[in-house]
Structures are given as structure tokens and as C-alpha cells.
Amino acid sequence: MQHAIDPKIDCVFKALLGAEGNRRLLIHFLNAALGDDLPADPGGGTISTGCFLRSVSVRL
């Protein structure tokens, strides 16, 4: 199945993973992408929560 929206485009990526309503999708993506690189801890070495920070644009 082909989608009309390409998630590799920055604005689409931000819309999918940067929205508060998609928090679970972001956490799942980060756990899948980081996998074994996450440090082992009492929580099992996975990301389970997070918070969204307001983005700031800086002109150079």
C-alpha cells in the first residue's frame, strides 16, 4: 500500500511524531529506533514516558 504522505519529509515527520496526541507513536518509534542502544535500567531499558518542549526558532 502506497501513501501519499512521505514520513521522511521533515514537516510530515514533525506532524506525526511532534504532536501531543501522538505521544504513544513517538515512544514506540524511539524504542524501535534506539533498541539495544538504550541503557539497561530497572525500567527494562525502554522509554515509557516523555514530555514535549516548545520549539524555538533561531536565526543565524
PDB file of N, CA and C in Angstrom:
ATOM      1  N   MET A   1       0.851  -1.183   0.000  1.00  0.00           N
ATOM      2  CA  MET A   1       0.000   0.000   0.000  1.00  0.00           C
ATOM      3  C   MET A   1       0.895   1.243   0.000  1.00  0.00           C
ATOM      4  N   GLN A   2       0.660   2.141  -0.913  1.00  0.00           N
ATOM      5  CA  GLN A   2       1.468   3.357  -1.009  1.00  0.00           C
ATOM      6  C   GLN A   2       0.689   4.533  -0.428  1.00  0.00           C
ATOM      7  N   HIS A   3       1.405   5.336   0.369  1.00  0.00           N
ATOM      8  CA  HIS A   3       0.797   6.502   0.994  1.00  0.00           C
ATOM      9  C   HIS A   3       1.175   7.753   0.233  1.00  0.00           C
ATOM     10  N   ALA A   4       0.288   8.724   0.209  1.00  0.00           N
ATOM     11  CA  ALA A   4       0.562   9.991  -0.471  1.00  0.00           C
ATOM     12  C   ALA A   4       1.464  10.888   0.369  1.00  0.00           C
ATOM     13  N   ILE A   5       1.605  10.585   1.661  1.00  0.00           N
ATOM     14  CA  ILE A   5       2.413  11.398   2.568  1.00  0.00           C
ATOM     15  C   ILE A   5       3.722  10.667   2.838  1.00  0.00           C
ATOM     16  N   ASP A   6       4.846  11.346   2.638  1.00  0.00           N
ATOM     17  CA  ASP A   6       6.159  10.747   2.841  1.00  0.00           C
ATOM     18  C   ASP A   6       6.682  11.123   4.224  1.00  0.00           C
ATOM     19  N   PRO A   7       6.796  10.154   5.161  1.00  0.00           N
ATOM     20  CA  PRO A   7       7.230  10.471   6.527  1.00  0.00           C
ATOM     21  C   PRO A   7       8.696  10.895   6.624  1.00  0.00           C
ATOM     22  N   LYS A   8       9.453  10.774   5.519  1.00  0.00           N
ATOM     23  CA  LYS A   8      10.853  11.215   5.536  1.00  0.00           C
ATOM     24  C   LYS A   8      10.981  12.724   5.341  1.00  0.00           C
ATOM     25  N   ILE A   9       9.897  13.391   4.976  1.00  0.00           N
ATOM     26  CA  ILE A   9       9.914  14.841   4.825  1.00  0.00           C
ATOM     27  C   ILE A   9       9.759  15.458   6.209  1.00  0.00           C
ATOM     28  N   ASP A  10      10.614  16.433   6.514  1.00  0.00           N
ATOM     29  CA  ASP A  10      10.715  16.997   7.868  1.00  0.00           C
ATOM     30  C   ASP A  10       9.371  17.438   8.441  1.00  0.00           C
ATOM     31  N   CYS A  11       8.571  18.195   7.689  1.00  0.00           N
ATOM     32  CA  CYS A  11       7.312  18.712   8.248  1.00  0.00           C
ATOM     33  C   CYS A  11       6.319  17.587   8.522  1.00  0.00           C
ATOM     34  N   VAL A  12       6.346  16.537   7.719  1.00  0.00           N
ATOM     35  CA  VAL A  12       5.462  15.386   7.950  1.00  0.00           C
ATOM     36  C   VAL A  12       5.931  14.631   9.190  1.00  0.00           C
ATOM     37  N   PHE A  13       7.247  14.434   9.310  1.00  0.00           N
ATOM     38  CA  PHE A  13       7.818  13.758  10.471  1.00  0.00           C
ATOM     39  C   PHE A  13       7.441  14.495  11.748  1.00  0.00           C
ATOM     40  N   LYS A  14       7.565  15.821  11.740  1.00  0.00           N
ATOM     41  CA  LYS A  14       7.210  16.621  12.914  1.00  0.00           C
ATOM     42  C   LYS A  14       5.720  16.544  13.214  1.00  0.00           C
ATOM     43  N   ALA A  15       4.892  16.544  12.171  1.00  0.00           N
ATOM     44  CA  ALA A  15       3.442  16.464  12.385  1.00  0.00           C
ATOM     45  C   ALA A  15       3.055  15.116  12.997  1.00  0.00           C
ATOM     46  N   LEU A  16       3.714  14.043  12.552  1.00  0.00           N
ATOM     47  CA  LEU A  16       3.389  12.715  13.074  1.00  0.00           C
ATOM     48  C   LEU A  16       3.923  12.498  14.482  1.00  0.00           C
ATOM     49  N   LEU A  17       5.187  12.823  14.699  1.00  0.00           N
ATOM     50  CA  LEU A  17       5.828  12.480  15.959  1.00  0.00           C
ATOM     51  C   LEU A  17       5.954  13.648  16.927  1.00  0.00           C
ATOM     52  N   GLY A  18       5.602  14.842  16.500  1.00  0.00           N
ATOM     53  CA  GLY A  18       5.736  16.005  17.361  1.00  0.00           C
ATOM     54  C   GLY A  18       4.429  16.494  17.954  1.00  0.00           C
ATOM     55  N   ALA A  19       3.363  15.768  17.733  1.00  0.00           N
ATOM     56  CA  ALA A  19       2.051  16.172  18.244  1.00  0.00           C
ATOM     57  C   ALA A  19       1.765  15.459  19.561  1.00  0.00           C
ATOM     58  N   GLU A  20       1.252  16.185  20.512  1.00  0.00           N
ATOM     59  CA  GLU A  20       0.924  15.622  21.830  1.00  0.00           C
ATOM     60  C   GLU A  20       0.014  14.404  21.702  1.00  0.00           C
ATOM     61  N   GLY A  21      -0.904  14.431  20.753  1.00  0.00           N
ATOM     62  CA  GLY A  21      -1.829  13.318  20.567  1.00  0.00           C
ATOM     63  C   GLY A  21      -1.170  12.042  20.056  1.00  0.00           C
ATOM     64  N   ASN A  22       0.049  12.170  19.548  1.00  0.00           N
ATOM     65  CA  ASN A  22       0.774  11.009  19.026  1.00  0.00           C
ATOM     66  C   ASN A  22       1.921  10.592  19.935  1.00  0.00           C
ATOM     67  N   ARG A  23       1.813  10.880  21.207  1.00  0.00           N
ATOM     68  CA  ARG A  23       2.868  10.565  22.175  1.00  0.00           C
ATOM     69  C   ARG A  23       3.220   9.077  22.155  1.00  0.00           C
ATOM     70  N   ARG A  24       2.216   8.203  22.122  1.00  0.00           N
ATOM     71  CA  ARG A  24       2.484   6.763  22.133  1.00  0.00           C
ATOM     72  C   ARG A  24       3.223   6.334  20.866  1.00  0.00           C
ATOM     73  N   LEU A  25       2.891   6.949  19.735  1.00  0.00           N
ATOM     74  CA  LEU A  25       3.589   6.657  18.486  1.00  0.00           C
ATOM     75  C   LEU A  25       5.050   7.073  18.584  1.00  0.00           C
ATOM     76  N   LEU A  26       5.322   8.243  19.148  1.00  0.00           N
ATOM     77  CA  LEU A  26       6.695   8.722  19.325  1.00  0.00           C
ATOM     78  C   LEU A  26       7.498   7.787  20.224  1.00  0.00           C
ATOM     79  N   ILE A  27       6.913   7.375  21.343  1.00  0.00           N
ATOM     80  CA  ILE A  27       7.604   6.484  22.277  1.00  0.00           C
ATOM     81  C   ILE A  27       7.903   5.144  21.607  1.00  0.00           C
ATOM     82  N   HIS A  28       6.943   4.619  20.878  1.00  0.00           N
ATOM     83  CA  HIS A  28       7.153   3.358  20.168  1.00  0.00           C
ATOM     84  C   HIS A  28       8.265   3.514  19.120  1.00  0.00           C
ATOM     85  N   PHE A  29       8.260   4.615  18.373  1.00  0.00           N
ATOM     86  CA  PHE A  29       9.287   4.873  17.363  1.00  0.00           C
ATOM     87  C   PHE A  29      10.673   4.957  17.998  1.00  0.00           C
ATOM     88  N   LEU A  30      10.793   5.706  19.093  1.00  0.00           N
ATOM     89  CA  LEU A  30      12.093   5.856  19.753  1.00  0.00           C
ATOM     90  C   LEU A  30      12.616   4.528  20.283  1.00  0.00           C
ATOM     91  N   ASN A  31      11.741   3.736  20.891  1.00  0.00           N
ATOM     92  CA  ASN A  31      12.158   2.425  21.398  1.00  0.00           C
ATOM     93  C   ASN A  31      12.605   1.514  20.253  1.00  0.00           C
ATOM     94  N   ALA A  32      11.906   1.563  19.119  1.00  0.00           N
ATOM     95  CA  ALA A  32      12.275   0.730  17.972  1.00  0.00           C
ATOM     96  C   ALA A  32      13.581   1.213  17.350  1.00  0.00           C
ATOM     97  N   ALA A  33      13.748   2.528  17.241  1.00  0.00           N
ATOM     98  CA  ALA A  33      14.946   3.074  16.602  1.00  0.00           C
ATOM     99  C   ALA A  33      16.185   2.912  17.482  1.00  0.00           C
ATOM    100  N   LEU A  34      16.050   3.117  18.782  1.00  0.00           N
ATOM    101  CA  LEU A  34      17.201   3.058  19.677  1.00  0.00           C
ATOM    102  C   LEU A  34      17.509   1.643  20.148  1.00  0.00           C
ATOM    103  N   GLY A  35      16.476   0.840  20.293  1.00  0.00           N
ATOM    104  CA  GLY A  35      16.631  -0.572  20.635  1.00  0.00           C
ATOM    105  C   GLY A  35      17.676  -0.866  21.685  1.00  0.00           C
ATOM    106  N   ASP A  36      18.719  -1.568  21.276  1.00  0.00           N
ATOM    107  CA  ASP A  36      19.759  -2.026  22.196  1.00  0.00           C
ATOM    108  C   ASP A  36      20.672  -0.900  22.672  1.00  0.00           C
ATOM    109  N   ASP A  37      20.591   0.283  22.073  1.00  0.00           N
ATOM    110  CA  ASP A  37      21.433   1.402  22.495  1.00  0.00           C
ATOM    111  C   ASP A  37      20.939   2.056  23.787  1.00  0.00           C
ATOM    112  N   LEU A  38      19.731   1.718  24.219  1.00  0.00           N
ATOM    113  CA  LEU A  38      19.213   2.268  25.468  1.00  0.00           C
ATOM    114  C   LEU A  38      19.899   1.575  26.643  1.00  0.00           C
ATOM    115  N   PRO A  39      20.288   2.337  27.655  1.00  0.00           N
ATOM    116  CA  PRO A  39      20.954   1.709  28.806  1.00  0.00           C
ATOM    117  C   PRO A  39      19.981   0.827  29.589  1.00  0.00           C
ATOM    118  N   ALA A  40      20.490  -0.291  30.067  1.00  0.00           N
ATOM    119  CA  ALA A  40      19.667  -1.174  30.896  1.00  0.00           C
ATOM    120  C   ALA A  40      19.452  -0.500  32.245  1.00  0.00           C
ATOM    121  N   ASP A  41      18.236  -0.455  32.682  1.00  0.00           N
ATOM    122  CA  ASP A  41      17.909   0.126  33.973  1.00  0.00           C
ATOM    123  C   ASP A  41      16.780  -0.680  34.597  1.00  0.00           C
ATOM    124  N   PRO A  42      16.378  -0.336  35.814  1.00  0.00           N
ATOM    125  CA  PRO A  42      15.292  -1.098  36.461  1.00  0.00           C
ATOM    126  C   PRO A  42      13.991  -1.082  35.672  1.00  0.00           C
ATOM    127  N   GLY A  43      13.806  -0.083  34.785  1.00  0.00           N
ATOM    128  CA  GLY A  43      12.588   0.004  33.983  1.00  0.00           C
ATOM    129  C   GLY A  43      12.600  -0.898  32.766  1.00  0.00           C
ATOM    130  N   GLY A  44      13.676  -1.624  32.543  1.00  0.00           N
ATOM    131  CA  GLY A  44      13.718  -2.560  31.438  1.00  0.00           C
ATOM    132  C   GLY A  44      14.432  -2.036  30.208  1.00  0.00           C
ATOM    133  N   GLY A  45      15.030  -0.849  30.267  1.00  0.00           N
ATOM    134  CA  GLY A  45      15.770  -0.326  29.139  1.00  0.00           C
ATOM    135  C   GLY A  45      14.912   0.163  27.991  1.00  0.00           C
ATOM    136  N   THR A  46      13.724   0.648  28.288  1.00  0.00           N
ATOM    137  CA  THR A  46      12.861   1.214  27.252  1.00  0.00           C
ATOM    138  C   THR A  46      12.350   2.576  27.701  1.00  0.00           C
ATOM    139  N   ILE A  47      11.984   3.368  26.723  1.00  0.00           N
ATOM    140  CA  ILE A  47      11.367   4.667  27.013  1.00  0.00           C
ATOM    141  C   ILE A  47       9.892   4.413  27.279  1.00  0.00           C
ATOM    142  N   SER A  48       9.375   4.957  28.365  1.00  0.00           N
ATOM    143  CA  SER A  48       7.968   4.727  28.701  1.00  0.00           C
ATOM    144  C   SER A  48       7.173   6.017  28.831  1.00  0.00           C
ATOM    145  N   THR A  49       7.847   7.148  28.923  1.00  0.00           N
ATOM    146  CA  THR A  49       7.152   8.422  29.048  1.00  0.00           C
ATOM    147  C   THR A  49       8.049   9.532  28.514  1.00  0.00           C
ATOM    148  N   GLY A  50       7.493  10.699  28.367  1.00  0.00           N
ATOM    149  CA  GLY A  50       8.267  11.835  27.882  1.00  0.00           C
ATOM    150  C   GLY A  50       7.416  13.083  27.918  1.00  0.00           C
ATOM    151  N   CYS A  51       8.024  14.202  27.617  1.00  0.00           N
ATOM    152  CA  CYS A  51       7.272  15.450  27.566  1.00  0.00           C
ATOM    153  C   CYS A  51       7.681  16.219  26.321  1.00  0.00           C
ATOM    154  N   PHE A  52       6.770  17.006  25.808  1.00  0.00           N
ATOM    155  CA  PHE A  52       7.029  17.813  24.627  1.00  0.00           C
ATOM    156  C   PHE A  52       7.459  19.200  25.072  1.00  0.00           C
ATOM    157  N   LEU A  53       8.555  19.665  24.496  1.00  0.00           N
ATOM    158  CA  LEU A  53       9.044  21.002  24.781  1.00  0.00           C
ATOM    159  C   LEU A  53       8.661  21.926  23.639  1.00  0.00           C
ATOM    160  N   ARG A  54       8.418  23.154  23.957  1.00  0.00           N
ATOM    161  CA  ARG A  54       8.072  24.131  22.932  1.00  0.00           C
ATOM    162  C   ARG A  54       9.319  24.395  22.090  1.00  0.00           C
ATOM    163  N   SER A  55       9.147  24.390  20.788  1.00  0.00           N
ATOM    164  CA  SER A  55      10.297  24.613  19.911  1.00  0.00           C
ATOM    165  C   SER A  55      10.571  26.106  19.782  1.00  0.00           C
ATOM    166  N   VAL A  56      11.829  26.429  19.577  1.00  0.00           N
ATOM    167  CA  VAL A  56      12.256  27.821  19.441  1.00  0.00           C
ATOM    168  C   VAL A  56      13.056  27.926  18.135  1.00  0.00           C
ATOM    169  N   SER A  57      12.725  28.890  17.314  1.00  0.00           N
ATOM    170  CA  SER A  57      13.460  29.108  16.066  1.00  0.00           C
ATOM    171  C   SER A  57      14.548  30.138  16.308  1.00  0.00           C
ATOM    172  N   VAL A  58      15.732  29.833  15.811  1.00  0.00           N
ATOM    173  CA  VAL A  58      16.874  30.742  15.975  1.00  0.00           C
ATOM    174  C   VAL A  58      17.400  31.074  14.593  1.00  0.00           C
ATOM    175  N   ARG A  59      17.547  32.355  14.308  1.00  0.00           N
ATOM    176  CA  ARG A  59      18.128  32.778  13.026  1.00  0.00           C
ATOM    177  C   ARG A  59      19.614  32.960  13.190  1.00  0.00           C
ATOM    178  N   LEU A  60      20.344  32.418  12.261  1.00  0.00           N
ATOM    179  CA  LEU A  60      21.802  32.560  12.280  1.00  0.00           C
ATOM    180  C   LEU A  60      22.251  33.584  11.270  1.00  0.00           C
TER     181      LEU A  60
END
